C-alpha atoms as a PDB file:
ATOM      1  CA  MET A   1      47.513-115.888   8.262  1.00  0.00           C
ATOM      2  CA  PHE A   2      44.070-115.340   7.014  1.00  0.00           C
ATOM      3  CA  ALA A   3      43.314-116.105   3.469  1.00  0.00           C
ATOM      4  CA  ALA A   4      40.925-113.926   1.529  1.00  0.00           C
ATOM      5  CA  CYS A   5      37.938-115.632   0.132  1.00  0.00           C
ATOM      6  CA  ALA A   6      37.979-115.802  -3.580  1.00  0.00           C
ATOM      7  CA  GLY A   7      34.236-115.448  -3.940  1.00  0.00           C
ATOM      8  CA  ALA A   8      33.824-112.282  -1.828  1.00  0.00           C
ATOM      9  CA  PRO A   9      33.019-109.073  -3.691  1.00  0.00           C
ATOM     10  CA  PRO A  10      35.536-106.285  -3.335  1.00  0.00           C
ATOM     11  CA  LYS A  11      34.722-103.589  -0.711  1.00  0.00           C
ATOM     12  CA  GLU A  12      33.352-100.319  -1.987  1.00  0.00           C
ATOM     13  CA  THR A  13      34.974 -97.173  -0.889  1.00  0.00           C
ATOM     14  CA  ARG A  14      32.824 -94.111  -0.771  1.00  0.00           C
ATOM     15  CA  THR A  15      34.197 -90.688  -1.084  1.00  0.00           C
ATOM     16  CA  ALA A  16      32.389 -87.717   0.455  1.00  0.00           C
ATOM     17  CA  LYS A  17      31.427 -84.881  -1.776  1.00  0.00           C
ATOM     18  CA  PRO A  18      33.229 -81.738  -0.848  1.00  0.00           C
ATOM     19  CA  MET A  19      31.133 -79.225   1.124  1.00  0.00           C
ATOM     20  CA  PRO A  20      30.650 -75.905  -0.609  1.00  0.00           C
ATOM     21  CA  VAL A  21      32.862 -73.287   0.947  1.00  0.00           C
ATOM     22  CA  GLU A  22      31.389 -69.829   1.318  1.00  0.00           C
ATOM     23  CA  ARG A  23      33.825 -67.114   0.828  1.00  0.00           C
ATOM     24  CA  ALA A  24      33.508 -63.784   2.588  1.00  0.00           C
ATOM     25  CA  SER A  25      33.335 -62.036  -0.748  1.00  0.00           C
ATOM     26  CA  GLU A  26      30.345 -64.210  -1.825  1.00  0.00           C
ATOM     27  CA  LYS A  27      28.165 -63.573   1.302  1.00  0.00           C
ATOM     28  CA  LYS A  28      25.383 -61.046   1.135  1.00  0.00           C
ATOM     29  CA  PRO A  29      25.953 -58.248   3.615  1.00  0.00           C
ATOM     30  CA  TYR A  30      23.541 -58.081   6.579  1.00  0.00           C
ATOM     31  CA  ASP A  31      20.806 -55.567   5.934  1.00  0.00           C
ATOM     32  CA  PHE A  32      19.855 -54.169   9.336  1.00  0.00           C
ATOM     33  CA  ARG A  33      17.148 -51.959   7.797  1.00  0.00           C
ATOM     34  CA  SER A  34      15.039 -54.990   6.874  1.00  0.00           C
ATOM     35  CA  GLU A  35      15.127 -56.373  10.435  1.00  0.00           C
ATOM     36  CA  GLY A  36      11.683 -56.319  12.019  1.00  0.00           C
ATOM     37  CA  THR A  37       9.771 -55.366   8.902  1.00  0.00           C
ATOM     38  CA  VAL A  38       6.539 -57.171   8.177  1.00  0.00           C
ATOM     39  CA  PRO A  39       6.301 -58.738   4.730  1.00  0.00           C
ATOM     40  CA  PRO A  40       3.407 -57.510   2.603  1.00  0.00           C
ATOM     41  CA  LEU A  41       0.159 -59.497   2.659  1.00  0.00           C
ATOM     42  CA  LYS A  42      -0.412 -62.107   0.025  1.00  0.00           C
ATOM     43  CA  PRO A  43      -3.853 -62.332  -1.620  1.00  0.00           C
ATOM     44  CA  ASP A  44      -4.813 -65.455   0.384  1.00  0.00           C
ATOM     45  CA  ASP A  45      -3.664 -64.027   3.774  1.00  0.00           C
ATOM     46  CA  ALA A  46      -6.285 -62.795   6.225  1.00  0.00           C
ATOM     47  CA  ALA A  47      -6.565 -59.037   6.444  1.00  0.00           C
ATOM     48  CA  ASN A  48      -5.329 -57.359   9.618  1.00  0.00           C
ATOM     49  CA  GLU A  49      -8.137 -56.283  11.899  1.00  0.00           C
ATOM     50  CA  PRO A  50      -7.788 -53.752  14.689  1.00  0.00           C
ATOM     51  CA  ASP A  51      -7.975 -55.066  18.272  1.00  0.00           C
ATOM     52  CA  ILE A  52     -10.218 -52.216  19.370  1.00  0.00           C
ATOM     53  CA  GLU A  53     -13.191 -50.495  17.896  1.00  0.00           C
ATOM     54  CA  GLU A  54     -12.764 -46.792  17.354  1.00  0.00           C
ATOM     55  CA  ARG A  55     -15.709 -44.529  18.016  1.00  0.00           C
ATOM     56  CA  GLY A  56     -16.069 -40.856  17.447  1.00  0.00           C
ATOM     57  CA  VAL A  57     -16.654 -38.403  20.281  1.00  0.00           C
ATOM     58  CA  SER A  58     -20.119 -36.953  20.370  1.00  0.00           C
ATOM     59  CA  GLU A  59     -20.716 -33.275  21.014  1.00  0.00           C
ATOM     60  CA  THR A  60     -24.087 -33.975  22.639  1.00  0.00           C
ATOM     61  CA  PRO A  61     -24.135 -34.227  26.437  1.00  0.00           C
ATOM     62  CA  ILE A  62     -24.878 -37.568  28.033  1.00  0.00           C
ATOM     63  CA  ASP A  63     -27.976 -37.674  30.235  1.00  0.00           C
ATOM     64  CA  VAL A  64     -27.436 -39.698  33.403  1.00  0.00           C
ATOM     65  CA  SER A  65     -30.502 -40.324  35.495  1.00  0.00           C
ATOM     66  CA  ASP A  66     -30.500 -40.801  39.262  1.00  0.00           C
ATOM     67  CA  ALA A  67     -31.447 -44.445  38.747  1.00  0.00           C
ATOM     68  CA  GLU A  68     -28.039 -45.095  37.181  1.00  0.00           C
ATOM     69  CA  ALA A  69     -26.094 -43.423  39.987  1.00  0.00           C
ATOM     70  CA  PRO A  70     -24.520 -45.723  42.598  1.00  0.00           C
ATOM     71  CA  PRO A  71     -26.357 -45.830  45.911  1.00  0.00           C
ATOM     72  CA  GLU A  72     -25.031 -43.478  48.542  1.00  0.00           C
ATOM     73  CA  THR A  73     -23.274 -45.259  51.338  1.00  0.00           C
ATOM     74  CA  ALA A  74     -23.322 -43.888  54.819  1.00  0.00           C
ATOM     75  CA  PRO A  75     -19.892 -43.120  56.231  1.00  0.00           C
ATOM     76  CA  PRO A  76     -18.791 -45.440  59.040  1.00  0.00           C
ATOM     77  CA  PRO A  77     -19.766 -44.193  62.478  1.00  0.00           C
ATOM     78  CA  ALA A  78     -16.263 -42.960  63.305  1.00  0.00           C
ATOM     79  CA  ALA A  79     -17.532 -40.765  66.130  1.00  0.00           C
ATOM     80  CA  THR A  80     -18.512 -43.844  68.153  1.00  0.00           C
ATOM     81  CA  VAL A  81     -15.133 -45.473  67.590  1.00  0.00           C
ATOM     82  CA  ALA A  82     -12.784 -42.697  68.529  1.00  0.00           C
ATOM     83  CA  PRO A  83     -14.570 -39.738  70.035  1.00  0.00           C
ATOM     84  CA  VAL A  84     -12.729 -36.503  69.465  1.00  0.00           C
ATOM     85  CA  ALA A  85     -12.107 -34.494  72.583  1.00  0.00           C
ATOM     86  CA  PRO A  86     -13.745 -31.067  72.512  1.00  0.00           C
ATOM     87  CA  ALA A  87     -11.398 -28.106  72.488  1.00  0.00           C
ATOM     88  CA  SER A  88     -12.151 -27.427  76.176  1.00  0.00           C
ATOM     89  CA  GLU A  89     -10.956 -30.919  77.178  1.00  0.00           C
ATOM     90  CA  ALA A  90      -7.199 -31.268  77.211  1.00  0.00           C
ATOM     91  CA  LEU A  91      -5.345 -34.512  76.676  1.00  0.00           C
ATOM     92  CA  ILE A  92      -3.222 -35.278  79.701  1.00  0.00           C
ATOM     93  CA  ASP A  93      -1.047 -38.164  80.856  1.00  0.00           C
ATOM     94  CA  GLY A  94      -3.089 -41.102  82.083  1.00  0.00           C
ATOM     95  CA  PHE A  95      -3.787 -44.781  81.402  1.00  0.00           C
ATOM     96  CA  ARG A  96      -5.871 -46.946  79.104  1.00  0.00           C
ATOM     97  CA  VAL A  97      -6.348 -50.687  78.781  1.00  0.00           C
ATOM     98  CA  GLN A  98      -5.178 -52.221  75.499  1.00  0.00           C
ATOM     99  CA  VAL A  99      -7.466 -54.973  74.235  1.00  0.00           C
ATOM    100  CA  PHE A 100      -6.334 -55.489  70.618  1.00  0.00           C
ATOM    101  CA  ALA A 101      -3.486 -54.778  68.181  1.00  0.00           C
ATOM    102  CA  GLY A 102      -3.330 -55.431  64.446  1.00  0.00           C
ATOM    103  CA  ALA A 103      -1.857 -54.169  61.191  1.00  0.00           C
ATOM    104  CA  ASP A 104      -5.216 -53.598  59.440  1.00  0.00           C
ATOM    105  CA  ARG A 105      -6.988 -50.331  60.222  1.00  0.00           C
ATOM    106  CA  GLU A 106     -10.506 -51.521  59.320  1.00  0.00           C
ATOM    107  CA  ILE A 107     -10.218 -54.567  61.565  1.00  0.00           C
ATOM    108  CA  ALA A 108      -8.955 -52.381  64.413  1.00  0.00           C
ATOM    109  CA  GLU A 109     -11.858 -49.947  63.975  1.00  0.00           C
ATOM    110  CA  ASN A 110     -14.320 -52.832  64.066  1.00  0.00           C
ATOM    111  CA  ALA A 111     -12.617 -54.205  67.193  1.00  0.00           C
ATOM    112  CA  ALA A 112     -12.939 -50.762  68.820  1.00  0.00           C
ATOM    113  CA  ARG A 113     -16.697 -50.688  68.116  1.00  0.00           C
ATOM    114  CA  VAL A 114     -17.100 -54.157  69.609  1.00  0.00           C
ATOM    115  CA  ALA A 115     -14.976 -53.268  72.644  1.00  0.00           C
ATOM    116  CA  GLN A 116     -17.019 -50.123  73.268  1.00  0.00           C
ATOM    117  CA  GLU A 117     -20.251 -52.161  73.175  1.00  0.00           C
ATOM    118  CA  ARG A 118     -18.895 -54.939  75.418  1.00  0.00           C
ATOM    119  CA  LEU A 119     -17.160 -52.771  77.987  1.00  0.00           C
ATOM    120  CA  GLY A 120     -19.285 -49.636  78.062  1.00  0.00           C
ATOM    121  CA  LEU A 121     -16.072 -47.583  77.925  1.00  0.00           C
ATOM    122  CA  ALA A 122     -14.877 -45.209  75.235  1.00  0.00           C
ATOM    123  CA  SER A 123     -12.557 -47.150  72.925  1.00  0.00           C
ATOM    124  CA  TYR A 124      -9.891 -45.634  70.719  1.00  0.00           C
ATOM    125  CA  VAL A 125      -7.787 -46.762  67.759  1.00  0.00           C
ATOM    126  CA  GLU A 126      -4.235 -45.476  68.079  1.00  0.00           C
ATOM    127  CA  LEU A 127      -1.462 -45.960  65.517  1.00  0.00           C
ATOM    128  CA  ASP A 128       1.673 -46.904  67.410  1.00  0.00           C
ATOM    129  CA  GLY A 129       4.785 -48.470  65.895  1.00  0.00           C
ATOM    130  CA  GLY A 130       3.008 -49.358  62.645  1.00  0.00           C
ATOM    131  CA  MET A 131       0.253 -51.250  64.476  1.00  0.00           C
ATOM    132  CA  TYR A 132      -3.325 -50.152  65.110  1.00  0.00           C
ATOM    133  CA  LYS A 133      -3.975 -50.594  68.822  1.00  0.00           C
ATOM    134  CA  VAL A 134      -7.423 -50.604  70.403  1.00  0.00           C
ATOM    135  CA  ARG A 135      -7.362 -49.070  73.865  1.00  0.00           C
ATOM    136  CA  ALA A 136     -10.318 -48.572  76.174  1.00  0.00           C
ATOM    137  CA  GLY A 137     -11.066 -46.085  78.940  1.00  0.00           C
ATOM    138  CA  ASP A 138      -9.662 -42.793  80.174  1.00  0.00           C
ATOM    139  CA  PHE A 139      -8.078 -43.360  83.588  1.00  0.00           C
ATOM    140  CA  ALA A 140      -6.256 -40.586  85.491  1.00  0.00           C
ATOM    141  CA  THR A 141      -4.220 -42.980  87.620  1.00  0.00           C
ATOM    142  CA  ARG A 142      -2.923 -46.512  87.352  1.00  0.00           C
ATOM    143  CA  SER A 143      -4.981 -47.486  90.420  1.00  0.00           C
ATOM    144  CA  LEU A 144      -8.214 -46.497  88.614  1.00  0.00           C
ATOM    145  CA  ALA A 145      -7.120 -48.571  85.605  1.00  0.00           C
ATOM    146  CA  ASN A 146      -6.280 -51.506  87.939  1.00  0.00           C
ATOM    147  CA  GLN A 147      -9.804 -51.334  89.409  1.00  0.00           C
ATOM    148  CA  ALA A 148     -11.360 -51.625  85.928  1.00  0.00           C
ATOM    149  CA  LEU A 149      -8.920 -54.291  84.668  1.00  0.00           C
ATOM    150  CA  PRO A 150     -10.713 -57.416  86.075  1.00  0.00           C
ATOM    151  CA  ALA A 151     -13.996 -56.458  84.373  1.00  0.00           C
ATOM    152  CA  ILE A 152     -12.166 -55.775  81.095  1.00  0.00           C
ATOM    153  CA  ARG A 153     -10.266 -59.080  81.333  1.00  0.00           C
ATOM    154  CA  SER A 154     -13.558 -60.968  81.615  1.00  0.00           C
ATOM    155  CA  ALA A 155     -14.139 -59.981  77.968  1.00  0.00           C
ATOM    156  CA  TYR A 156     -10.471 -59.666  76.905  1.00  0.00           C
ATOM    157  CA  PRO A 157      -8.238 -62.048  78.929  1.00  0.00           C
ATOM    158  CA  ASP A 158      -4.994 -60.707  77.425  1.00  0.00           C
ATOM    159  CA  ALA A 159      -5.742 -57.037  78.154  1.00  0.00           C
ATOM    160  CA  TRP A 160      -3.131 -54.913  79.917  1.00  0.00           C
ATOM    161  CA  ILE A 161      -2.678 -51.360  81.138  1.00  0.00           C
ATOM    162  CA  VAL A 162      -0.691 -48.879  79.057  1.00  0.00           C
ATOM    163  CA  ALA A 163       0.322 -45.300  79.666  1.00  0.00           C
ATOM    164  CA  SER A 164      -1.449 -42.999  77.245  1.00  0.00           C
ATOM    165  CA  LYS A 165      -2.765 -39.504  76.712  1.00  0.00           C
ATOM    166  CA  VAL A 166      -6.340 -39.456  78.009  1.00  0.00           C
ATOM    167  CA  ARG A 167      -9.129 -36.929  77.854  1.00  0.00           C
ATOM    168  CA  GLY A 168     -10.893 -35.329  80.812  1.00  0.00           C
ATOM    169  CA  PRO A 169     -12.927 -35.458  82.910  1.00  0.00           C
ATOM    170  CA  LEU A 170     -10.907 -38.322  84.259  1.00  0.00           C
ATOM    171  CA  GLY A 171     -11.581 -41.162  86.625  1.00  0.00           C
ATOM    172  CA  GLN A 172     -14.115 -43.419  84.891  1.00  0.00           C
END
């Protein structure tokens, strides 16, 4: 059907060179002892330098003057936040008004100081159920707490009465 052209050069056939076959007997065995070793430095390599500077320990004592000491900080006025009842005053069942609750102790202590200033009532930080709760007042009965609640809600609209252990004398 088709005639070959007389002037066309014959096609070249290329043969691939055979790939060298490695035999198991010719392989070098794996040397696990050389794994992870660092090759020795060559003359033109940079010398290794330590990351830290070593210093000797001196036998002479170090003189620290008062000027270098950190300034003394006054402890927070914890007595104004949560007054501790004297031994003669017993804690009895009563009521307080809760004005704040939070997970951070420092924030709760600050809120107790502010509540004490605003309300003129003793304020306490109580840990209850993993939350720091700020509660104000020591009321013997719920009716005494109800009488104080409107004044407290003028500063803390979401305040509510909770049963609590309170200190005597009662009836603020």
